[in-house]
Amino acid sequence: MDFKLDGLNWEILGVLQQNSRASLSGIGREIGLTPPAVAERVKRMEDIGIIDGYWAAVSHTKLGYQLKAIITLRAFMGKLKPFLEHVKGLEEVINCYRITGNENIIMEVIFRDQFHLEKFIDQLIQYGETRTHIILSEVISNAPVRRLKST
């Protein structure tokens, strides 16, 4: 499929990244296209994987999770693959990445309190050495992907 990501497509992406529930007619009014034209562009971006999905932003604190942390793991020899399976079942983990460098894994996790955090770390220590960083506040969160400027 031959598809060019032009300025109008970037504008559509900008609107959807701010509000994934924006109506096609609302997007059209904002950027100067008809709802069917917006629908066609959105569908094409979904079909080729530029638009990967839609979801709700949920407040962990309003749901009773008072701590948010970044935890890195440096896996012990032979423990990385077992950890990669184990982490999929950890409800506290909201994002997990395999990374380069001294650590193998970086996770974004949420906890009810420090006792919950301690219990979680106790589960991890069989897989490797951990480092925990408590998040005090979010400076940037879910920033929209924007068109890169040409150099």
Protein backbone atom coordinates (compact mmCIF):
# COMPACT_ATOMS: atom_id res chain seq x y z
CA MET A 1 0.00 0.00 0.00
CA ASP A 2 1.46 3.32 -1.08
CA PHE A 3 0.72 5.89 1.61
CA LYS A 4 2.20 9.31 2.23
CA LEU A 5 2.08 10.78 5.72
CA ASP A 6 1.31 14.38 4.81
CA GLY A 7 0.58 17.43 6.95
CA LEU A 8 -3.14 16.61 7.25
CA ASN A 9 -2.34 13.11 8.49
CA TRP A 10 -0.01 14.59 11.10
CA GLU A 11 -2.78 16.96 12.18
CA ILE A 12 -5.19 14.04 12.53
CA LEU A 13 -2.61 12.16 14.59
CA GLY A 14 -2.12 15.23 16.78
CA VAL A 15 -5.84 15.47 17.53
CA LEU A 16 -6.18 11.74 18.22
CA GLN A 17 -3.16 11.73 20.53
CA GLN A 18 -4.78 14.49 22.57
CA ASN A 19 -8.20 12.81 22.57
CA SER A 20 -8.59 9.35 21.09
CA ARG A 21 -12.37 9.70 21.40
CA ALA A 22 -12.51 12.77 19.13
CA SER A 23 -15.27 12.40 16.55
CA LEU A 24 -14.46 12.26 12.87
CA SER A 25 -16.62 15.32 12.28
CA GLY A 26 -14.86 17.19 15.11
CA ILE A 27 -11.46 16.34 13.67
CA GLY A 28 -12.67 17.38 10.23
CA ARG A 29 -13.86 20.78 11.49
CA GLU A 30 -10.56 21.32 13.28
CA ILE A 31 -8.34 20.55 10.29
CA GLY A 32 -10.61 21.43 7.35
CA LEU A 33 -11.64 18.02 6.00
CA THR A 34 -14.98 16.25 5.61
CA PRO A 35 -15.75 13.42 8.04
CA PRO A 36 -15.51 10.79 5.24
CA ALA A 37 -12.06 12.12 4.26
CA VAL A 38 -10.92 11.96 7.90
CA ALA A 39 -12.37 8.44 8.23
CA GLU A 40 -10.50 7.27 5.14
CA ARG A 41 -7.19 8.67 6.38
CA VAL A 42 -7.66 7.23 9.88
CA LYS A 43 -8.57 3.81 8.44
CA ARG A 44 -5.48 3.81 6.21
CA MET A 45 -3.24 4.77 9.15
CA GLU A 46 -4.81 1.96 11.22
CA ASP A 47 -4.39 -0.55 8.39
CA ILE A 48 -0.66 0.11 7.98
CA GLY A 49 -0.01 0.24 11.72
CA ILE A 50 0.71 3.93 12.24
CA ILE A 51 -2.29 4.07 14.59
CA ASP A 52 -1.61 1.17 16.89
CA GLY A 53 -4.69 1.35 19.11
CA TYR A 54 -6.87 3.48 21.36
CA TRP A 55 -7.01 3.43 25.16
CA ALA A 56 -7.99 5.41 28.22
CA ALA A 57 -5.50 7.21 30.44
CA VAL A 58 -6.20 5.98 33.98
CA SER A 59 -5.12 7.64 37.23
CA HIS A 60 -3.29 5.10 39.36
CA THR A 61 -3.60 7.30 42.47
CA LYS A 62 -7.41 7.55 42.16
CA LEU A 63 -7.45 3.74 42.05
CA GLY A 64 -5.52 3.44 45.32
CA TYR A 65 -1.95 3.07 44.08
CA GLN A 66 0.00 5.68 46.02
CA LEU A 67 3.48 4.84 44.73
CA LYS A 68 4.80 4.72 41.21
CA ALA A 69 8.35 3.59 40.59
CA ILE A 70 10.90 2.73 37.97
CA ILE A 71 12.67 -0.53 38.76
CA THR A 72 15.64 -1.85 36.82
CA LEU A 73 16.78 -5.46 36.94
CA ARG A 74 20.21 -6.82 36.18
CA ALA A 75 19.45 -10.50 35.65
CA PHE A 76 21.58 -13.26 37.12
CA MET A 77 23.17 -15.70 34.66
CA GLY A 78 20.44 -17.92 33.23
CA LYS A 79 17.60 -15.96 34.88
CA LEU A 80 16.64 -13.51 32.12
CA LYS A 81 14.40 -15.85 30.12
CA PRO A 82 12.55 -17.13 33.23
CA PHE A 83 12.05 -13.50 34.32
CA LEU A 84 10.67 -12.51 30.90
CA GLU A 85 7.94 -15.13 31.39
CA HIS A 86 7.35 -14.27 35.07
CA VAL A 87 6.97 -10.52 34.51
CA LYS A 88 3.96 -11.05 32.21
CA GLY A 89 1.94 -12.14 35.27
CA LEU A 90 2.92 -9.25 37.56
CA GLU A 91 -0.12 -7.00 37.92
CA GLU A 92 1.94 -4.11 39.31
CA VAL A 93 3.93 -3.74 36.08
CA ILE A 94 2.37 -1.20 33.70
CA ASN A 95 5.33 -1.01 31.30
CA CYS A 96 8.35 -3.26 30.90
CA TYR A 97 11.24 -2.98 28.45
CA ARG A 98 14.29 -5.09 27.71
CA ILE A 99 17.18 -2.63 27.45
CA THR A 100 20.88 -2.35 26.67
CA GLY A 101 23.51 -1.48 29.24
CA ASN A 102 24.31 -2.94 32.66
CA GLU A 103 20.68 -3.66 33.44
CA ASN A 104 18.57 -5.95 31.26
CA ILE A 105 15.09 -4.76 32.22
CA ILE A 106 13.39 -1.50 33.12
CA MET A 107 9.85 -1.50 34.48
CA GLU A 108 7.29 1.12 35.39
CA VAL A 109 5.31 -0.21 38.35
CA ILE A 110 2.55 0.91 40.71
CA PHE A 111 2.02 0.02 44.39
CA ARG A 112 -0.53 0.64 47.12
CA ASP A 113 2.22 1.55 49.62
CA GLN A 114 5.83 0.87 50.62
CA PHE A 115 4.91 -2.57 52.03
CA HIS A 116 3.50 -3.58 48.66
CA LEU A 117 6.74 -2.35 47.05
CA GLU A 118 8.85 -4.37 49.50
CA LYS A 119 6.86 -7.55 48.78
CA PHE A 120 7.26 -6.96 45.03
CA ILE A 121 11.05 -6.51 45.28
CA ASP A 122 11.25 -9.70 47.36
CA GLN A 123 9.75 -11.53 44.35
CA LEU A 124 12.32 -10.05 41.98
CA ILE A 125 15.53 -10.76 43.88
CA GLN A 126 15.56 -14.40 42.79
CA TYR A 127 16.00 -13.17 39.19
CA GLY A 128 18.67 -10.53 39.68
CA GLU A 129 19.85 -7.32 41.25
CA THR A 130 17.26 -4.53 41.36
CA ARG A 131 17.39 -0.76 41.63
CA THR A 132 14.27 1.16 42.58
CA HIS A 133 13.52 4.80 41.82
CA ILE A 134 10.34 6.25 43.33
CA ILE A 135 8.61 8.68 40.98
CA LEU A 136 7.84 11.96 42.75
CA SER A 137 6.01 13.64 39.86
CA GLU A 138 5.53 13.37 36.13
CA VAL A 139 7.30 16.07 34.16
CA ILE A 140 6.24 14.72 30.75
CA SER A 141 3.76 11.90 30.33
CA ASN A 142 2.45 10.39 27.10
CA ALA A 143 3.73 13.26 25.00
CA PRO A 144 2.37 13.15 21.47
CA VAL A 145 4.63 11.89 18.70
CA ARG A 146 5.24 14.85 16.43
CA ARG A 147 6.58 15.25 12.95
CA LEU A 148 10.35 15.67 13.00
CA LYS A 149 11.64 18.87 11.49
CA SER A 150 14.01 18.49 8.57
CA THR A 151 17.59 19.51 9.18
